Amino acid sequence: MSILSFIANVAAGLFLCNCIPHLCAGLRGEPFPTPFAKPPGKGKSSAVTNTLWGNLNLIIGFLLLHFSPIEPGLNLESILFVVGFVGLGIPSSMHFEKVRES
């Protein structure tokens, strides 16, 4: 397994984790922060923007898994995917908790 495959597995976890809140907010018709909001990551973007952003993240995540597939089970590829997924999920939840409190 090459270093590019390692990076692709982590990045797939990041992109697929990131697609979830954007798709959920967009499909419910709710505004949610995106990188396109003002200020980025704090201001709210429209439901359509979130749906598009979530779908782009989903497509990128699937493409990364297509070119660097993971075998289900306890193996390096799966561990790297989970590291990317959780590595984005925990900090994102902490960030958006603070954003929602403001």
PDB file of N, CA and C in Angstrom:
ATOM      1  N   MET A   1       0.856  -1.181   0.000  1.00  0.00           N
ATOM      2  CA  MET A   1       0.000   0.000   0.000  1.00  0.00           C
ATOM      3  C   MET A   1       0.896   1.237   0.000  1.00  0.00           C
ATOM      4  N   SER A   2       0.623   2.172  -0.910  1.00  0.00           N
ATOM      5  CA  SER A   2       1.446   3.370  -1.039  1.00  0.00           C
ATOM      6  C   SER A   2       0.979   4.470  -0.088  1.00  0.00           C
ATOM      7  N   ILE A   3       1.814   5.462   0.065  1.00  0.00           N
ATOM      8  CA  ILE A   3       1.472   6.604   0.920  1.00  0.00           C
ATOM      9  C   ILE A   3       0.236   7.325   0.368  1.00  0.00           C
ATOM     10  N   LEU A   4       0.074   7.342  -0.961  1.00  0.00           N
ATOM     11  CA  LEU A   4      -1.110   7.972  -1.545  1.00  0.00           C
ATOM     12  C   LEU A   4      -2.380   7.221  -1.162  1.00  0.00           C
ATOM     13  N   SER A   5      -2.309   5.905  -1.048  1.00  0.00           N
ATOM     14  CA  SER A   5      -3.470   5.129  -0.608  1.00  0.00           C
ATOM     15  C   SER A   5      -3.802   5.442   0.845  1.00  0.00           C
ATOM     16  N   PHE A   6      -2.773   5.605   1.680  1.00  0.00           N
ATOM     17  CA  PHE A   6      -2.999   5.982   3.081  1.00  0.00           C
ATOM     18  C   PHE A   6      -3.739   7.313   3.151  1.00  0.00           C
ATOM     19  N   ILE A   7      -3.244   8.270   2.386  1.00  0.00           N
ATOM     20  CA  ILE A   7      -3.848   9.609   2.380  1.00  0.00           C
ATOM     21  C   ILE A   7      -5.278   9.548   1.841  1.00  0.00           C
ATOM     22  N   ALA A   8      -5.495   8.758   0.786  1.00  0.00           N
ATOM     23  CA  ALA A   8      -6.838   8.641   0.198  1.00  0.00           C
ATOM     24  C   ALA A   8      -7.822   8.032   1.185  1.00  0.00           C
ATOM     25  N   ASN A   9      -7.389   7.047   1.976  1.00  0.00           N
ATOM     26  CA  ASN A   9      -8.287   6.430   2.953  1.00  0.00           C
ATOM     27  C   ASN A   9      -8.678   7.415   4.049  1.00  0.00           C
ATOM     28  N   VAL A  10      -7.723   8.194   4.535  1.00  0.00           N
ATOM     29  CA  VAL A  10      -8.019   9.206   5.551  1.00  0.00           C
ATOM     30  C   VAL A  10      -8.925  10.282   4.956  1.00  0.00           C
ATOM     31  N   ALA A  11      -8.591  10.747   3.749  1.00  0.00           N
ATOM     32  CA  ALA A  11      -9.384  11.799   3.104  1.00  0.00           C
ATOM     33  C   ALA A  11     -10.805  11.323   2.816  1.00  0.00           C
ATOM     34  N   ALA A  12     -10.977  10.063   2.444  1.00  0.00           N
ATOM     35  CA  ALA A  12     -12.321   9.529   2.210  1.00  0.00           C
ATOM     36  C   ALA A  12     -13.144   9.623   3.491  1.00  0.00           C
ATOM     37  N   GLY A  13     -12.543   9.289   4.619  1.00  0.00           N
ATOM     38  CA  GLY A  13     -13.240   9.425   5.901  1.00  0.00           C
ATOM     39  C   GLY A  13     -13.620  10.863   6.196  1.00  0.00           C
ATOM     40  N   LEU A  14     -12.706  11.788   5.900  1.00  0.00           N
ATOM     41  CA  LEU A  14     -12.980  13.213   6.121  1.00  0.00           C
ATOM     42  C   LEU A  14     -14.159  13.683   5.263  1.00  0.00           C
ATOM     43  N   PHE A  15     -14.110  13.395   3.965  1.00  0.00           N
ATOM     44  CA  PHE A  15     -15.161  13.865   3.056  1.00  0.00           C
ATOM     45  C   PHE A  15     -16.511  13.223   3.368  1.00  0.00           C
ATOM     46  N   LEU A  16     -16.515  11.934   3.667  1.00  0.00           N
ATOM     47  CA  LEU A  16     -17.790  11.273   3.942  1.00  0.00           C
ATOM     48  C   LEU A  16     -18.380  11.726   5.275  1.00  0.00           C
ATOM     49  N   CYS A  17     -17.530  12.013   6.250  1.00  0.00           N
ATOM     50  CA  CYS A  17     -18.030  12.567   7.511  1.00  0.00           C
ATOM     51  C   CYS A  17     -18.621  13.957   7.270  1.00  0.00           C
ATOM     52  N   ASN A  18     -17.940  14.749   6.455  1.00  0.00           N
ATOM     53  CA  ASN A  18     -18.385  16.120   6.203  1.00  0.00           C
ATOM     54  C   ASN A  18     -19.676  16.180   5.395  1.00  0.00           C
ATOM     55  N   CYS A  19     -19.960  15.168   4.600  1.00  0.00           N
ATOM     56  CA  CYS A  19     -21.184  15.219   3.782  1.00  0.00           C
ATOM     57  C   CYS A  19     -22.436  15.082   4.650  1.00  0.00           C
ATOM     58  N   ILE A  20     -22.331  14.410   5.780  1.00  0.00           N
ATOM     59  CA  ILE A  20     -23.519  14.097   6.584  1.00  0.00           C
ATOM     60  C   ILE A  20     -24.243  15.339   7.097  1.00  0.00           C
ATOM     61  N   PRO A  21     -23.576  16.251   7.833  1.00  0.00           N
ATOM     62  CA  PRO A  21     -24.348  17.390   8.360  1.00  0.00           C
ATOM     63  C   PRO A  21     -24.888  18.302   7.267  1.00  0.00           C
ATOM     64  N   HIS A  22     -24.133  18.435   6.173  1.00  0.00           N
ATOM     65  CA  HIS A  22     -24.584  19.320   5.094  1.00  0.00           C
ATOM     66  C   HIS A  22     -25.787  18.734   4.368  1.00  0.00           C
ATOM     67  N   LEU A  23     -25.746  17.439   4.086  1.00  0.00           N
ATOM     68  CA  LEU A  23     -26.897  16.814   3.440  1.00  0.00           C
ATOM     69  C   LEU A  23     -28.106  16.809   4.367  1.00  0.00           C
ATOM     70  N   CYS A  24     -27.891  16.504   5.629  1.00  0.00           N
ATOM     71  CA  CYS A  24     -29.016  16.486   6.577  1.00  0.00           C
ATOM     72  C   CYS A  24     -29.676  17.855   6.676  1.00  0.00           C
ATOM     73  N   ALA A  25     -28.869  18.903   6.847  1.00  0.00           N
ATOM     74  CA  ALA A  25     -29.427  20.256   6.946  1.00  0.00           C
ATOM     75  C   ALA A  25     -30.104  20.654   5.639  1.00  0.00           C
ATOM     76  N   GLY A  26     -29.436  20.411   4.527  1.00  0.00           N
ATOM     77  CA  GLY A  26     -29.987  20.805   3.238  1.00  0.00           C
ATOM     78  C   GLY A  26     -31.284  20.100   2.915  1.00  0.00           C
ATOM     79  N   LEU A  27     -31.330  18.802   3.161  1.00  0.00           N
ATOM     80  CA  LEU A  27     -32.541  18.045   2.838  1.00  0.00           C
ATOM     81  C   LEU A  27     -33.696  18.371   3.775  1.00  0.00           C
ATOM     82  N   ARG A  28     -33.378  18.895   4.970  1.00  0.00           N
ATOM     83  CA  ARG A  28     -34.442  19.337   5.885  1.00  0.00           C
ATOM     84  C   ARG A  28     -34.845  20.778   5.603  1.00  0.00           C
ATOM     85  N   GLY A  29     -34.144  21.432   4.677  1.00  0.00           N
ATOM     86  CA  GLY A  29     -34.468  22.817   4.342  1.00  0.00           C
ATOM     87  C   GLY A  29     -33.952  23.818   5.354  1.00  0.00           C
ATOM     88  N   GLU A  30     -32.930  23.438   6.110  1.00  0.00           N
ATOM     89  CA  GLU A  30     -32.389  24.319   7.151  1.00  0.00           C
ATOM     90  C   GLU A  30     -31.057  24.921   6.730  1.00  0.00           C
ATOM     91  N   PRO A  31     -30.816  26.179   7.116  1.00  0.00           N
ATOM     92  CA  PRO A  31     -29.503  26.767   6.864  1.00  0.00           C
ATOM     93  C   PRO A  31     -28.466  26.139   7.798  1.00  0.00           C
ATOM     94  N   PHE A  32     -27.220  26.092   7.340  1.00  0.00           N
ATOM     95  CA  PHE A  32     -26.132  25.520   8.134  1.00  0.00           C
ATOM     96  C   PHE A  32     -24.829  26.123   7.616  1.00  0.00           C
ATOM     97  N   PRO A  33     -23.827  26.300   8.486  1.00  0.00           N
ATOM     98  CA  PRO A  33     -22.565  26.899   8.034  1.00  0.00           C
ATOM     99  C   PRO A  33     -21.851  26.055   6.975  1.00  0.00           C
ATOM    100  N   THR A  34     -21.305  26.733   5.992  1.00  0.00           N
ATOM    101  CA  THR A  34     -20.437  26.116   4.985  1.00  0.00           C
ATOM    102  C   THR A  34     -19.212  27.006   4.811  1.00  0.00           C
ATOM    103  N   PRO A  35     -18.220  26.554   4.049  1.00  0.00           N
ATOM    104  CA  PRO A  35     -17.073  27.425   3.766  1.00  0.00           C
ATOM    105  C   PRO A  35     -17.435  28.660   2.953  1.00  0.00           C
ATOM    106  N   PHE A  36     -18.632  28.683   2.356  1.00  0.00           N
ATOM    107  CA  PHE A  36     -19.054  29.803   1.508  1.00  0.00           C
ATOM    108  C   PHE A  36     -19.805  30.877   2.283  1.00  0.00           C
ATOM    109  N   ALA A  37     -20.118  30.607   3.548  1.00  0.00           N
ATOM    110  CA  ALA A  37     -20.871  31.558   4.375  1.00  0.00           C
ATOM    111  C   ALA A  37     -19.959  32.707   4.805  1.00  0.00           C
ATOM    112  N   LYS A  38     -20.584  33.770   5.300  1.00  0.00           N
ATOM    113  CA  LYS A  38     -19.823  34.904   5.833  1.00  0.00           C
ATOM    114  C   LYS A  38     -20.157  35.052   7.298  1.00  0.00           C
ATOM    115  N   PRO A  39     -19.221  34.894   8.208  1.00  0.00           N
ATOM    116  CA  PRO A  39     -17.857  34.412   8.015  1.00  0.00           C
ATOM    117  C   PRO A  39     -17.845  32.900   7.739  1.00  0.00           C
ATOM    118  N   PRO A  40     -16.841  32.428   6.990  1.00  0.00           N
ATOM    119  CA  PRO A  40     -16.774  31.011   6.636  1.00  0.00           C
ATOM    120  C   PRO A  40     -16.800  30.105   7.872  1.00  0.00           C
ATOM    121  N   GLY A  41     -17.653  29.082   7.815  1.00  0.00           N
ATOM    122  CA  GLY A  41     -17.740  28.122   8.909  1.00  0.00           C
ATOM    123  C   GLY A  41     -18.555  28.586  10.098  1.00  0.00           C
ATOM    124  N   LYS A  42     -19.011  29.844  10.075  1.00  0.00           N
ATOM    125  CA  LYS A  42     -19.813  30.370  11.190  1.00  0.00           C
ATOM    126  C   LYS A  42     -21.146  30.917  10.709  1.00  0.00           C
ATOM    127  N   GLY A  43     -21.114  31.686   9.629  1.00  0.00           N
ATOM    128  CA  GLY A  43     -22.354  32.192   9.058  1.00  0.00           C
ATOM    129  C   GLY A  43     -23.117  31.043   8.421  1.00  0.00           C
ATOM    130  N   LYS A  44     -24.372  31.269   8.131  1.00  0.00           N
ATOM    131  CA  LYS A  44     -25.189  30.175   7.600  1.00  0.00           C
ATOM    132  C   LYS A  44     -25.381  30.304   6.092  1.00  0.00           C
ATOM    133  N   SER A  45     -25.317  29.161   5.433  1.00  0.00           N
ATOM    134  CA  SER A  45     -25.591  29.073   4.003  1.00  0.00           C
ATOM    135  C   SER A  45     -26.975  28.463   3.809  1.00  0.00           C
ATOM    136  N   SER A  46     -27.531  28.673   2.632  1.00  0.00           N
ATOM    137  CA  SER A  46     -28.878  28.176   2.341  1.00  0.00           C
ATOM    138  C   SER A  46     -28.907  26.654   2.304  1.00  0.00           C
ATOM    139  N   ALA A  47     -30.121  26.128   2.346  1.00  0.00           N
ATOM    140  CA  ALA A  47     -30.315  24.681   2.269  1.00  0.00           C
ATOM    141  C   ALA A  47     -29.807  24.133   0.932  1.00  0.00           C
ATOM    142  N   VAL A  48     -30.012  24.877  -0.145  1.00  0.00           N
ATOM    143  CA  VAL A  48     -29.544  24.427  -1.456  1.00  0.00           C
ATOM    144  C   VAL A  48     -28.018  24.372  -1.484  1.00  0.00           C
ATOM    145  N   THR A  49     -27.363  25.396  -0.953  1.00  0.00           N
ATOM    146  CA  THR A  49     -25.896  25.391  -0.889  1.00  0.00           C
ATOM    147  C   THR A  49     -25.407  24.196  -0.092  1.00  0.00           C
ATOM    148  N   ASN A  50     -26.064  23.912   1.028  1.00  0.00           N
ATOM    149  CA  ASN A  50     -25.670  22.766   1.847  1.00  0.00           C
ATOM    150  C   ASN A  50     -25.885  21.448   1.120  1.00  0.00           C
ATOM    151  N   THR A  51     -26.982  21.331   0.390  1.00  0.00           N
ATOM    152  CA  THR A  51     -27.240  20.103  -0.354  1.00  0.00           C
ATOM    153  C   THR A  51     -26.170  19.901  -1.429  1.00  0.00           C
ATOM    154  N   LEU A  52     -25.835  20.959  -2.142  1.00  0.00           N
ATOM    155  CA  LEU A  52     -24.791  20.864  -3.163  1.00  0.00           C
ATOM    156  C   LEU A  52     -23.434  20.543  -2.547  1.00  0.00           C
ATOM    157  N   TRP A  53     -23.089  21.223  -1.467  1.00  0.00           N
ATOM    158  CA  TRP A  53     -21.814  21.001  -0.790  1.00  0.00           C
ATOM    159  C   TRP A  53     -21.747  19.572  -0.232  1.00  0.00           C
ATOM    160  N   GLY A  54     -22.826  19.108   0.356  1.00  0.00           N
ATOM    161  CA  GLY A  54     -22.863  17.750   0.886  1.00  0.00           C
ATOM    162  C   GLY A  54     -22.708  16.712  -0.214  1.00  0.00           C
ATOM    163  N   ASN A  55     -23.373  16.925  -1.346  1.00  0.00           N
ATOM    164  CA  ASN A  55     -23.252  15.992  -2.463  1.00  0.00           C
ATOM    165  C   ASN A  55     -21.853  16.000  -3.063  1.00  0.00           C
ATOM    166  N   LEU A  56     -21.215  17.154  -3.147  1.00  0.00           N
ATOM    167  CA  LEU A  56     -19.845  17.212  -3.640  1.00  0.00           C
ATOM    168  C   LEU A  56     -18.913  16.415  -2.719  1.00  0.00           C
ATOM    169  N   ASN A  57     -19.082  16.581  -1.406  1.00  0.00           N
ATOM    170  CA  ASN A  57     -18.275  15.820  -0.456  1.00  0.00           C
ATOM    171  C   ASN A  57     -18.524  14.318  -0.587  1.00  0.00           C
ATOM    172  N   LEU A  58     -19.778  13.939  -0.798  1.00  0.00           N
ATOM    173  CA  LEU A  58     -20.135  12.531  -0.974  1.00  0.00           C
ATOM    174  C   LEU A  58     -19.465  11.953  -2.216  1.00  0.00           C
ATOM    175  N   ILE A  59     -19.515  12.679  -3.316  1.00  0.00           N
ATOM    176  CA  ILE A  59     -18.906  12.222  -4.566  1.00  0.00           C
ATOM    177  C   ILE A  59     -17.396  12.074  -4.408  1.00  0.00           C
ATOM    178  N   ILE A  60     -16.750  13.072  -3.805  1.00  0.00           N
ATOM    179  CA  ILE A  60     -15.296  13.005  -3.614  1.00  0.00           C
ATOM    180  C   ILE A  60     -14.938  11.822  -2.719  1.00  0.00           C
ATOM    181  N   GLY A  61     -15.685  11.626  -1.634  1.00  0.00           N
ATOM    182  CA  GLY A  61     -15.420  10.502  -0.739  1.00  0.00           C
ATOM    183  C   GLY A  61     -15.549   9.171  -1.451  1.00  0.00           C
ATOM    184  N   PHE A  62     -16.610   9.017  -2.257  1.00  0.00           N
ATOM    185  CA  PHE A  62     -16.794   7.773  -3.013  1.00  0.00           C
ATOM    186  C   PHE A  62     -15.704   7.576  -4.059  1.00  0.00           C
ATOM    187  N   LEU A  63     -15.289   8.653  -4.739  1.00  0.00           N
ATOM    188  CA  LEU A  63     -14.201   8.538  -5.712  1.00  0.00           C
ATOM    189  C   LEU A  63     -12.901   8.095  -5.045  1.00  0.00           C
ATOM    190  N   LEU A  64     -12.620   8.656  -3.880  1.00  0.00           N
ATOM    191  CA  LEU A  64     -11.412   8.249  -3.158  1.00  0.00           C
ATOM    192  C   LEU A  64     -11.476   6.771  -2.784  1.00  0.00           C
ATOM    193  N   LEU A  65     -12.654   6.308  -2.365  1.00  0.00           N
ATOM    194  CA  LEU A  65     -12.795   4.887  -2.022  1.00  0.00           C
ATOM    195  C   LEU A  65     -12.734   4.004  -3.271  1.00  0.00           C
ATOM    196  N   HIS A  66     -13.153   4.533  -4.402  1.00  0.00           N
ATOM    197  CA  HIS A  66     -13.075   3.770  -5.649  1.00  0.00           C
ATOM    198  C   HIS A  66     -11.613   3.532  -6.036  1.00  0.00           C
ATOM    199  N   PHE A  67     -10.801   4.565  -5.915  1.00  0.00           N
ATOM    200  CA  PHE A  67      -9.400   4.446  -6.314  1.00  0.00           C
ATOM    201  C   PHE A  67      -8.514   3.841  -5.231  1.00  0.00           C
ATOM    202  N   SER A  68      -8.972   3.871  -3.998  1.00  0.00           N
ATOM    203  CA  SER A  68      -8.237   3.256  -2.892  1.00  0.00           C
ATOM    204  C   SER A  68      -9.236   2.570  -1.970  1.00  0.00           C
ATOM    205  N   PRO A  69      -9.775   1.429  -2.408  1.00  0.00           N
ATOM    206  CA  PRO A  69     -10.848   0.774  -1.647  1.00  0.00           C
ATOM    207  C   PRO A  69     -10.382   0.264  -0.287  1.00  0.00           C
ATOM    208  N   ILE A  70     -11.349   0.156   0.615  1.00  0.00           N
ATOM    209  CA  ILE A  70     -11.045  -0.412   1.928  1.00  0.00           C
ATOM    210  C   ILE A  70     -11.756  -1.754   2.048  1.00  0.00           C
ATOM    211  N   GLU A  71     -11.094  -2.660   2.698  1.00  0.00           N
ATOM    212  CA  GLU A  71     -11.662  -3.980   2.980  1.00  0.00           C
ATOM    213  C   GLU A  71     -12.277  -3.906   4.367  1.00  0.00           C
ATOM    214  N   PRO A  72     -13.578  -4.191   4.503  1.00  0.00           N
ATOM    215  CA  PRO A  72     -14.177  -4.154   5.844  1.00  0.00           C
ATOM    216  C   PRO A  72     -13.435  -5.079   6.808  1.00  0.00           C
ATOM    217  N   GLY A  73     -13.324  -4.640   8.024  1.00  0.00           N
ATOM    218  CA  GLY A  73     -12.654  -5.434   9.042  1.00  0.00           C
ATOM    219  C   GLY A  73     -11.565  -4.637   9.723  1.00  0.00           C
ATOM    220  N   LEU A  74     -10.835  -5.305  10.568  1.00  0.00           N
ATOM    221  CA  LEU A  74      -9.748  -4.656  11.315  1.00  0.00           C
ATOM    222  C   LEU A  74      -8.478  -4.737  10.481  1.00  0.00           C
ATOM    223  N   ASN A  75      -8.248  -3.712   9.670  1.00  0.00           N
ATOM    224  CA  ASN A  75      -7.066  -3.637   8.825  1.00  0.00           C
ATOM    225  C   ASN A  75      -6.651  -2.173   8.708  1.00  0.00           C
ATOM    226  N   LEU A  76      -5.492  -1.951   8.137  1.00  0.00           N
ATOM    227  CA  LEU A  76      -4.943  -0.602   8.078  1.00  0.00           C
ATOM    228  C   LEU A  76      -5.842   0.358   7.295  1.00  0.00           C
ATOM    229  N   GLU A  77      -6.389  -0.103   6.170  1.00  0.00           N
ATOM    230  CA  GLU A  77      -7.243   0.776   5.360  1.00  0.00           C
ATOM    231  C   GLU A  77      -8.475   1.235   6.144  1.00  0.00           C
ATOM    232  N   SER A  78      -9.118   0.308   6.837  1.00  0.00           N
ATOM    233  CA  SER A  78     -10.304   0.654   7.625  1.00  0.00           C
ATOM    234  C   SER A  78      -9.959   1.571   8.793  1.00  0.00           C
ATOM    235  N   ILE A  79      -8.839   1.297   9.430  1.00  0.00           N
ATOM    236  CA  ILE A  79      -8.410   2.134  10.559  1.00  0.00           C
ATOM    237  C   ILE A  79      -8.142   3.556  10.080  1.00  0.00           C
ATOM    238  N   LEU A  80      -7.475   3.710   8.940  1.00  0.00           N
ATOM    239  CA  LEU A  80      -7.199   5.045   8.411  1.00  0.00           C
ATOM    240  C   LEU A  80      -8.486   5.775   8.047  1.00  0.00           C
ATOM    241  N   PHE A  81      -9.444   5.053   7.476  1.00  0.00           N
ATOM    242  CA  PHE A  81     -10.746   5.653   7.159  1.00  0.00           C
ATOM    243  C   PHE A  81     -11.420   6.161   8.433  1.00  0.00           C
ATOM    244  N   VAL A  82     -11.449   5.335   9.467  1.00  0.00           N
ATOM    245  CA  VAL A  82     -12.079   5.716  10.738  1.00  0.00           C
ATOM    246  C   VAL A  82     -11.338   6.890  11.376  1.00  0.00           C
ATOM    247  N   VAL A  83     -10.002   6.902  11.270  1.00  0.00           N
ATOM    248  CA  VAL A  83      -9.218   8.029  11.799  1.00  0.00           C
ATOM    249  C   VAL A  83      -9.650   9.322  11.111  1.00  0.00           C
ATOM    250  N   GLY A  84      -9.823   9.296   9.797  1.00  0.00           N
ATOM    251  CA  GLY A  84     -10.280  10.486   9.077  1.00  0.00           C
ATOM    252  C   GLY A  84     -11.687  10.886   9.471  1.00  0.00           C
ATOM    253  N   PHE A  85     -12.579   9.909   9.577  1.00  0.00           N
ATOM    254  CA  PHE A  85     -13.979  10.175   9.911  1.00  0.00           C
ATOM    255  C   PHE A  85     -14.102  10.763  11.312  1.00  0.00           C
ATOM    256  N   VAL A  86     -13.503  10.109  12.289  1.00  0.00           N
ATOM    257  CA  VAL A  86     -13.578  10.579  13.680  1.00  0.00           C
ATOM    258  C   VAL A  86     -12.719  11.835  13.865  1.00  0.00           C
ATOM    259  N   GLY A  87     -11.597  11.883  13.132  1.00  0.00           N
ATOM    260  CA  GLY A  87     -10.710  13.042  13.224  1.00  0.00           C
ATOM    261  C   GLY A  87     -11.363  14.330  12.778  1.00  0.00           C
ATOM    262  N   LEU A  88     -12.334  14.245  11.898  1.00  0.00           N
ATOM    263  CA  LEU A  88     -13.104  15.430  11.526  1.00  0.00           C
ATOM    264  C   LEU A  88     -14.353  15.561  12.384  1.00  0.00           C
ATOM    265  N   GLY A  89     -14.959  14.441  12.730  1.00  0.00           N
ATOM    266  CA  GLY A  89     -16.226  14.461  13.461  1.00  0.00           C
ATOM    267  C   GLY A  89     -16.147  15.105  14.829  1.00  0.00           C
ATOM    268  N   ILE A  90     -15.151  14.750  15.615  1.00  0.00           N
ATOM    269  CA  ILE A  90     -15.040  15.288  16.986  1.00  0.00           C
ATOM    270  C   ILE A  90     -14.772  16.796  16.969  1.00  0.00           C
ATOM    271  N   PRO A  91     -13.737  17.274  16.242  1.00  0.00           N
ATOM    272  CA  PRO A  91     -13.527  18.730  16.223  1.00  0.00           C
ATOM    273  C   PRO A  91     -14.705  19.506  15.628  1.00  0.00           C
ATOM    274  N   SER A  92     -15.370  18.930  14.617  1.00  0.00           N
ATOM    275  CA  SER A  92     -16.534  19.606  14.032  1.00  0.00           C
ATOM    276  C   SER A  92     -17.662  19.736  15.035  1.00  0.00           C
ATOM    277  N   SER A  93     -17.912  18.675  15.783  1.00  0.00           N
ATOM    278  CA  SER A  93     -18.991  18.740  16.770  1.00  0.00           C
ATOM    279  C   SER A  93     -18.687  19.789  17.834  1.00  0.00           C
ATOM    280  N   MET A  94     -17.432  19.890  18.237  1.00  0.00           N
ATOM    281  CA  MET A  94     -17.054  20.903  19.241  1.00  0.00           C
ATOM    282  C   MET A  94     -17.184  22.313  18.658  1.00  0.00           C
ATOM    283  N   HIS A  95     -16.760  22.489  17.400  1.00  0.00           N
ATOM    284  CA  HIS A  95     -16.845  23.801  16.757  1.00  0.00           C
ATOM    285  C   HIS A  95     -18.305  24.240  16.603  1.00  0.00           C
ATOM    286  N   PHE A  96     -19.153  23.367  16.064  1.00  0.00           N
ATOM    287  CA  PHE A  96     -20.538  23.759  15.805  1.00  0.00           C
ATOM    288  C   PHE A  96     -21.361  23.867  17.077  1.00  0.00           C
ATOM    289  N   GLU A  97     -20.934  23.211  18.133  1.00  0.00           N
ATOM    290  CA  GLU A  97     -21.592  23.413  19.428  1.00  0.00           C
ATOM    291  C   GLU A  97     -21.377  24.858  19.875  1.00  0.00           C
ATOM    292  N   LYS A  98     -20.139  25.370  19.697  1.00  0.00           N
ATOM    293  CA  LYS A  98     -19.847  26.756  20.061  1.00  0.00           C
ATOM    294  C   LYS A  98     -20.580  27.741  19.149  1.00  0.00           C
ATOM    295  N   VAL A  99     -20.635  27.418  17.849  1.00  0.00           N
ATOM    296  CA  VAL A  99     -21.337  28.286  16.900  1.00  0.00           C
ATOM    297  C   VAL A  99     -22.812  28.386  17.257  1.00  0.00           C
ATOM    298  N   ARG A 100     -23.434  27.270  17.621  1.00  0.00           N
ATOM    299  CA  ARG A 100     -24.873  27.271  17.946  1.00  0.00           C
ATOM    300  C   ARG A 100     -25.151  27.988  19.267  1.00  0.00           C
ATOM    301  N   GLU A 101     -24.184  28.007  20.192  1.00  0.00           N
ATOM    302  CA  GLU A 101     -24.379  28.701  21.469  1.00  0.00           C
ATOM    303  C   GLU A 101     -24.365  30.208  21.301  1.00  0.00           C
ATOM    304  N   SER A 102     -23.683  30.705  20.241  1.00  0.00           N
ATOM    305  CA  SER A 102     -23.568  32.155  20.067  1.00  0.00           C
ATOM    306  C   SER A 102     -24.831  32.768  19.544  1.00  0.00           C
TER     307      SER A 102
END
